[in-house]
Amino acid sequence: MDQSQPAGESQQDQGTEGRLGTGFRQRKMVLKWFMETQAHLILHEGNVPSWFEGFINRRDAEETLRDKELGCFLIRLSDKAMGYILSYRGRDRCRHFVINQSKSGQFIVSGDTEEHETLRDLIEHYKTSPIEPFREYLTCSCVESSRGEVYDIIKVNPRQKPVGKQLDPVSVPGTWETAALLHCLIPGKQLDPTLSQPCYTA
């Protein structure tokens, strides 16, 4: 079964992702799910991995991958369901696969049977095993392809409260280290680079 256009990622939905209304409420629910259950699995020594793009829609993912080499990839949050989307540059076009999470917490690409303990494990698996039915491999994240770095650097002291405006799209428990992820999840919100501690700017 061709999962390159999974349920919840139809061409018709592309223009509506991120708009206010039902889509906005769903996005808030996905963000709450992510911060409560997933953020600690994504952070690597306090850093956001280069392959994680947060909330970007299908069209933006394809634009990001358009001029990249075969197998360049990113993982993004779905704003249609609680889960992730793997987007990568295929031979003839970009492909998009839903990544599901089992009740036991294992990650699996929709249509496959191989389960993985973490998203990193899933990525490493598809660097050496082809994605079916296309027989294509993941190579490097789209950011690695551009600059050769593995992780974006976010320096946050989890014991100190941030200065300035706090992002509050939903009430989210957790440390400020985890909350720093919001800068890549919410378009238009950036960490202020002039401050030693994170300050979120609109």
C-alpha atoms as a PDB file:
ATOM      1  CA  MET A   1       0.000   0.000   0.000  1.00  0.00           C
ATOM      2  CA  ASP A   2       1.372   3.416  -0.972  1.00  0.00           C
ATOM      3  CA  GLN A   3       1.663   5.424   2.232  1.00  0.00           C
ATOM      4  CA  SER A   4       3.279   8.376   0.488  1.00  0.00           C
ATOM      5  CA  GLN A   5       0.045  10.303   1.028  1.00  0.00           C
ATOM      6  CA  PRO A   6      -1.222   9.019   4.375  1.00  0.00           C
ATOM      7  CA  ALA A   7      -4.610   9.603   5.907  1.00  0.00           C
ATOM      8  CA  GLY A   8      -4.831  13.084   7.321  1.00  0.00           C
ATOM      9  CA  GLU A   9      -2.307  14.472   4.827  1.00  0.00           C
ATOM     10  CA  SER A  10      -4.424  14.817   1.699  1.00  0.00           C
ATOM     11  CA  GLN A  11      -3.735  17.443  -0.953  1.00  0.00           C
ATOM     12  CA  GLN A  12      -7.016  19.096   0.016  1.00  0.00           C
ATOM     13  CA  ASP A  13      -5.810  19.481   3.620  1.00  0.00           C
ATOM     14  CA  GLN A  14      -2.578  21.265   2.687  1.00  0.00           C
ATOM     15  CA  GLY A  15      -4.100  24.725   2.544  1.00  0.00           C
ATOM     16  CA  THR A  16      -6.015  24.354   5.800  1.00  0.00           C
ATOM     17  CA  GLU A  17      -3.232  23.177   8.108  1.00  0.00           C
ATOM     18  CA  GLY A  18      -2.601  25.678  10.864  1.00  0.00           C
ATOM     19  CA  ARG A  19      -5.706  27.802  10.264  1.00  0.00           C
ATOM     20  CA  LEU A  20      -7.865  28.850  13.194  1.00  0.00           C
ATOM     21  CA  GLY A  21     -10.935  26.803  14.037  1.00  0.00           C
ATOM     22  CA  THR A  22     -11.008  23.027  14.211  1.00  0.00           C
ATOM     23  CA  GLY A  23      -7.446  22.790  12.883  1.00  0.00           C
ATOM     24  CA  PHE A  24      -6.168  25.152  15.558  1.00  0.00           C
ATOM     25  CA  ARG A  25      -7.884  23.200  18.354  1.00  0.00           C
ATOM     26  CA  GLN A  26      -6.445  19.944  16.991  1.00  0.00           C
ATOM     27  CA  ARG A  27      -2.993  21.498  16.828  1.00  0.00           C
ATOM     28  CA  LYS A  28      -3.263  22.559  20.482  1.00  0.00           C
ATOM     29  CA  MET A  29      -4.214  18.998  21.432  1.00  0.00           C
ATOM     30  CA  VAL A  30      -1.265  17.579  19.476  1.00  0.00           C
ATOM     31  CA  LEU A  31       1.076  20.080  21.121  1.00  0.00           C
ATOM     32  CA  LYS A  32      -0.214  19.136  24.581  1.00  0.00           C
ATOM     33  CA  TRP A  33       0.276  15.427  23.750  1.00  0.00           C
ATOM     34  CA  PHE A  34       3.777  16.132  22.481  1.00  0.00           C
ATOM     35  CA  MET A  35       4.908  18.163  25.484  1.00  0.00           C
ATOM     36  CA  GLU A  36       3.458  15.706  28.012  1.00  0.00           C
ATOM     37  CA  THR A  37       4.524  12.427  26.416  1.00  0.00           C
ATOM     38  CA  GLN A  38       7.117  12.992  23.675  1.00  0.00           C
ATOM     39  CA  ALA A  39       9.376  15.982  24.336  1.00  0.00           C
ATOM     40  CA  HIS A  40      11.670  14.102  26.716  1.00  0.00           C
ATOM     41  CA  LEU A  41      12.123  11.452  24.019  1.00  0.00           C
ATOM     42  CA  ILE A  42      13.104  14.026  21.372  1.00  0.00           C
ATOM     43  CA  LEU A  43      15.612  16.115  23.318  1.00  0.00           C
ATOM     44  CA  HIS A  44      19.197  14.847  23.148  1.00  0.00           C
ATOM     45  CA  GLU A  45      21.342  16.303  25.948  1.00  0.00           C
ATOM     46  CA  GLY A  46      19.096  19.370  25.940  1.00  0.00           C
ATOM     47  CA  ASN A  47      19.260  19.840  22.161  1.00  0.00           C
ATOM     48  CA  VAL A  48      16.637  19.476  19.449  1.00  0.00           C
ATOM     49  CA  PRO A  49      17.774  17.025  16.744  1.00  0.00           C
ATOM     50  CA  SER A  50      18.224  18.498  13.283  1.00  0.00           C
ATOM     51  CA  TRP A  51      15.687  16.130  11.753  1.00  0.00           C
ATOM     52  CA  PHE A  52      12.800  17.374  13.926  1.00  0.00           C
ATOM     53  CA  GLU A  53      10.847  20.227  12.329  1.00  0.00           C
ATOM     54  CA  GLY A  54       7.868  20.506  14.689  1.00  0.00           C
ATOM     55  CA  PHE A  55       4.714  21.835  13.057  1.00  0.00           C
ATOM     56  CA  ILE A  56       5.329  22.375   9.371  1.00  0.00           C
ATOM     57  CA  ASN A  57       2.780  21.348   6.783  1.00  0.00           C
ATOM     58  CA  ARG A  58       3.212  19.020   3.835  1.00  0.00           C
ATOM     59  CA  ARG A  59       3.811  21.823   1.345  1.00  0.00           C
ATOM     60  CA  ASP A  60       6.522  23.422   3.494  1.00  0.00           C
ATOM     61  CA  ALA A  61       8.161  20.031   4.042  1.00  0.00           C
ATOM     62  CA  GLU A  62       8.277  19.468   0.290  1.00  0.00           C
ATOM     63  CA  GLU A  63       9.728  22.942  -0.254  1.00  0.00           C
ATOM     64  CA  THR A  64      12.413  22.239   2.354  1.00  0.00           C
ATOM     65  CA  LEU A  65      13.307  18.934   0.676  1.00  0.00           C
ATOM     66  CA  ARG A  66      12.879  20.057  -2.946  1.00  0.00           C
ATOM     67  CA  ASP A  67      16.548  20.587  -3.851  1.00  0.00           C
ATOM     68  CA  LYS A  68      17.982  18.025  -1.441  1.00  0.00           C
ATOM     69  CA  GLU A  69      19.676  14.764  -2.301  1.00  0.00           C
ATOM     70  CA  LEU A  70      17.851  11.445  -2.505  1.00  0.00           C
ATOM     71  CA  GLY A  71      16.983  10.174   0.972  1.00  0.00           C
ATOM     72  CA  CYS A  72      17.192  13.541   2.753  1.00  0.00           C
ATOM     73  CA  PHE A  73      14.491  13.562   5.417  1.00  0.00           C
ATOM     74  CA  LEU A  74      12.741  15.340   8.256  1.00  0.00           C
ATOM     75  CA  ILE A  75      10.224  14.342  10.891  1.00  0.00           C
ATOM     76  CA  ARG A  76       7.354  16.678  11.684  1.00  0.00           C
ATOM     77  CA  LEU A  77       4.320  16.718  13.905  1.00  0.00           C
ATOM     78  CA  SER A  78       0.974  15.945  12.360  1.00  0.00           C
ATOM     79  CA  ASP A  79      -1.654  18.515  13.222  1.00  0.00           C
ATOM     80  CA  LYS A  80      -4.395  16.099  12.191  1.00  0.00           C
ATOM     81  CA  ALA A  81      -3.669  13.354  14.736  1.00  0.00           C
ATOM     82  CA  MET A  82      -1.424  12.512  17.680  1.00  0.00           C
ATOM     83  CA  GLY A  83       1.681  11.430  15.847  1.00  0.00           C
ATOM     84  CA  TYR A  84       4.520  12.175  13.480  1.00  0.00           C
ATOM     85  CA  ILE A  85       5.053  12.318   9.742  1.00  0.00           C
ATOM     86  CA  LEU A  86       8.281  11.142   8.097  1.00  0.00           C
ATOM     87  CA  SER A  87       8.902  13.218   4.958  1.00  0.00           C
ATOM     88  CA  TYR A  88      11.812  12.420   2.656  1.00  0.00           C
ATOM     89  CA  ARG A  89      13.119  13.041  -0.842  1.00  0.00           C
ATOM     90  CA  GLY A  90      12.316  10.073  -3.038  1.00  0.00           C
ATOM     91  CA  ARG A  91      13.575   9.340  -6.547  1.00  0.00           C
ATOM     92  CA  ASP A  92      10.735  11.104  -8.326  1.00  0.00           C
ATOM     93  CA  ARG A  93       9.107  13.188  -5.569  1.00  0.00           C
ATOM     94  CA  CYS A  94       8.829  13.754  -1.840  1.00  0.00           C
ATOM     95  CA  ARG A  95       7.125  11.017   0.136  1.00  0.00           C
ATOM     96  CA  HIS A  96       5.237  11.255   3.414  1.00  0.00           C
ATOM     97  CA  PHE A  97       4.645   8.400   5.857  1.00  0.00           C
ATOM     98  CA  VAL A  98       2.665   8.391   9.083  1.00  0.00           C
ATOM     99  CA  ILE A  99       4.669   7.215  12.101  1.00  0.00           C
ATOM    100  CA  ASN A 100       2.413   5.529  14.637  1.00  0.00           C
ATOM    101  CA  GLN A 101       3.190   4.750  18.261  1.00  0.00           C
ATOM    102  CA  SER A 102       2.006   1.468  19.752  1.00  0.00           C
ATOM    103  CA  LYS A 103       0.468   1.145  23.200  1.00  0.00           C
ATOM    104  CA  SER A 104       3.835  -0.113  24.429  1.00  0.00           C
ATOM    105  CA  GLY A 105       5.502   3.079  23.130  1.00  0.00           C
ATOM    106  CA  GLN A 106       7.196   1.569  20.075  1.00  0.00           C
ATOM    107  CA  PHE A 107       7.369   3.641  16.858  1.00  0.00           C
ATOM    108  CA  ILE A 108       6.346   2.127  13.530  1.00  0.00           C
ATOM    109  CA  VAL A 109       5.982   3.505  10.013  1.00  0.00           C
ATOM    110  CA  SER A 110       2.439   2.949   8.789  1.00  0.00           C
ATOM    111  CA  GLY A 111       2.337  -0.054   6.471  1.00  0.00           C
ATOM    112  CA  ASP A 112       5.473  -1.627   7.944  1.00  0.00           C
ATOM    113  CA  THR A 113       5.786  -4.227  10.713  1.00  0.00           C
ATOM    114  CA  GLU A 114       9.174  -3.231  12.173  1.00  0.00           C
ATOM    115  CA  GLU A 115       8.836  -1.533  15.573  1.00  0.00           C
ATOM    116  CA  HIS A 116      11.461   0.821  17.040  1.00  0.00           C
ATOM    117  CA  GLU A 117      12.087   1.944  20.593  1.00  0.00           C
ATOM    118  CA  THR A 118      12.840   5.563  19.615  1.00  0.00           C
ATOM    119  CA  LEU A 119      12.544   7.818  16.581  1.00  0.00           C
ATOM    120  CA  ARG A 120      16.342   7.794  16.371  1.00  0.00           C
ATOM    121  CA  ASP A 121      16.249   3.986  16.134  1.00  0.00           C
ATOM    122  CA  LEU A 122      13.612   4.230  13.407  1.00  0.00           C
ATOM    123  CA  ILE A 123      15.785   6.654  11.429  1.00  0.00           C
ATOM    124  CA  GLU A 124      18.881   4.473  11.778  1.00  0.00           C
ATOM    125  CA  HIS A 125      16.887   1.417  10.665  1.00  0.00           C
ATOM    126  CA  TYR A 126      15.804   3.081   7.418  1.00  0.00           C
ATOM    127  CA  LYS A 127      19.347   4.176   6.673  1.00  0.00           C
ATOM    128  CA  THR A 128      20.252   0.498   6.208  1.00  0.00           C
ATOM    129  CA  SER A 129      16.869  -1.061   5.342  1.00  0.00           C
ATOM    130  CA  PRO A 130      14.765   0.250   2.450  1.00  0.00           C
ATOM    131  CA  ILE A 131      11.396   1.919   2.863  1.00  0.00           C
ATOM    132  CA  GLU A 132       8.875  -0.260   1.060  1.00  0.00           C
ATOM    133  CA  PRO A 133       7.508  -0.448  -1.539  1.00  0.00           C
ATOM    134  CA  PHE A 134       9.855   2.151  -3.014  1.00  0.00           C
ATOM    135  CA  ARG A 135      13.163   0.519  -1.962  1.00  0.00           C
ATOM    136  CA  GLU A 136      14.509   3.934  -0.902  1.00  0.00           C
ATOM    137  CA  TYR A 137      16.811   4.672   2.051  1.00  0.00           C
ATOM    138  CA  LEU A 138      17.078   7.618   4.417  1.00  0.00           C
ATOM    139  CA  THR A 139      20.456   9.356   4.169  1.00  0.00           C
ATOM    140  CA  CYS A 140      20.723  12.521   6.278  1.00  0.00           C
ATOM    141  CA  SER A 141      18.426  15.145   7.720  1.00  0.00           C
ATOM    142  CA  CYS A 142      17.704  18.158   5.534  1.00  0.00           C
ATOM    143  CA  VAL A 143      19.635  20.366   7.995  1.00  0.00           C
ATOM    144  CA  GLU A 144      22.663  18.021   8.056  1.00  0.00           C
ATOM    145  CA  SER A 145      22.640  18.144   4.273  1.00  0.00           C
ATOM    146  CA  SER A 146      22.839  21.947   4.384  1.00  0.00           C
ATOM    147  CA  ARG A 147      25.328  22.540   7.168  1.00  0.00           C
ATOM    148  CA  GLY A 148      26.773  19.229   8.351  1.00  0.00           C
ATOM    149  CA  GLU A 149      25.610  19.546  11.966  1.00  0.00           C
ATOM    150  CA  VAL A 150      23.630  16.896  13.777  1.00  0.00           C
ATOM    151  CA  TYR A 151      21.771  19.018  16.354  1.00  0.00           C
ATOM    152  CA  ASP A 152      20.419  22.527  16.688  1.00  0.00           C
ATOM    153  CA  ILE A 153      21.849  24.094  19.818  1.00  0.00           C
ATOM    154  CA  ILE A 154      19.393  25.326  22.435  1.00  0.00           C
ATOM    155  CA  LYS A 155      21.037  26.262  25.696  1.00  0.00           C
ATOM    156  CA  VAL A 156      18.507  26.393  28.509  1.00  0.00           C
ATOM    157  CA  ASN A 157      19.005  26.263  32.250  1.00  0.00           C
ATOM    158  CA  PRO A 158      16.017  24.204  33.471  1.00  0.00           C
ATOM    159  CA  ARG A 159      16.340  25.613  37.022  1.00  0.00           C
ATOM    160  CA  GLN A 160      15.932  29.244  35.989  1.00  0.00           C
ATOM    161  CA  LYS A 161      12.669  30.733  34.768  1.00  0.00           C
ATOM    162  CA  PRO A 162      12.801  32.410  31.366  1.00  0.00           C
ATOM    163  CA  VAL A 163      12.903  36.173  31.005  1.00  0.00           C
ATOM    164  CA  GLY A 164      10.336  37.985  28.884  1.00  0.00           C
ATOM    165  CA  LYS A 165       7.199  36.727  27.219  1.00  0.00           C
ATOM    166  CA  GLN A 166       6.315  33.099  27.867  1.00  0.00           C
ATOM    167  CA  LEU A 167       4.702  31.001  25.166  1.00  0.00           C
ATOM    168  CA  ASP A 168       1.443  29.603  26.434  1.00  0.00           C
ATOM    169  CA  PRO A 169      -0.474  27.916  23.590  1.00  0.00           C
ATOM    170  CA  VAL A 170      -1.684  25.323  26.100  1.00  0.00           C
ATOM    171  CA  SER A 171      -0.964  24.689  29.750  1.00  0.00           C
ATOM    172  CA  VAL A 172       2.021  22.360  29.598  1.00  0.00           C
ATOM    173  CA  PRO A 173       3.863  20.833  32.546  1.00  0.00           C
ATOM    174  CA  GLY A 174       7.604  20.250  32.454  1.00  0.00           C
ATOM    175  CA  THR A 175      10.952  22.002  32.675  1.00  0.00           C
ATOM    176  CA  TRP A 176      11.959  25.094  30.731  1.00  0.00           C
ATOM    177  CA  GLU A 177      14.414  22.853  28.884  1.00  0.00           C
ATOM    178  CA  THR A 178      11.423  20.995  27.485  1.00  0.00           C
ATOM    179  CA  ALA A 179       9.497  24.217  26.882  1.00  0.00           C
ATOM    180  CA  ALA A 180      12.370  25.435  24.691  1.00  0.00           C
ATOM    181  CA  LEU A 181      11.113  23.012  22.072  1.00  0.00           C
ATOM    182  CA  LEU A 182       8.197  25.346  21.457  1.00  0.00           C
ATOM    183  CA  HIS A 183      10.412  27.642  19.414  1.00  0.00           C
ATOM    184  CA  CYS A 184      10.472  25.068  16.634  1.00  0.00           C
ATOM    185  CA  LEU A 185       6.892  23.895  17.096  1.00  0.00           C
ATOM    186  CA  ILE A 186       5.124  27.217  16.731  1.00  0.00           C
ATOM    187  CA  PRO A 187       5.821  29.143  13.516  1.00  0.00           C
ATOM    188  CA  GLY A 188       6.652  32.789  14.166  1.00  0.00           C
ATOM    189  CA  LYS A 189       7.949  32.215  17.694  1.00  0.00           C
ATOM    190  CA  GLN A 190      11.712  32.416  18.093  1.00  0.00           C
ATOM    191  CA  LEU A 191      14.162  32.347  20.967  1.00  0.00           C
ATOM    192  CA  ASP A 192      15.683  35.802  21.449  1.00  0.00           C
ATOM    193  CA  PRO A 193      19.402  35.272  20.606  1.00  0.00           C
ATOM    194  CA  THR A 194      20.525  38.389  22.545  1.00  0.00           C
ATOM    195  CA  LEU A 195      19.596  36.964  25.951  1.00  0.00           C
ATOM    196  CA  SER A 196      21.597  34.479  27.989  1.00  0.00           C
ATOM    197  CA  GLN A 197      18.350  32.870  29.118  1.00  0.00           C
ATOM    198  CA  PRO A 198      15.491  32.107  26.716  1.00  0.00           C
ATOM    199  CA  CYS A 199      13.052  34.880  25.955  1.00  0.00           C
ATOM    200  CA  TYR A 200      10.256  34.075  23.556  1.00  0.00           C
ATOM    201  CA  THR A 201       9.388  36.783  21.049  1.00  0.00           C
ATOM    202  CA  ALA A 202       6.264  37.035  18.948  1.00  0.00           C
END
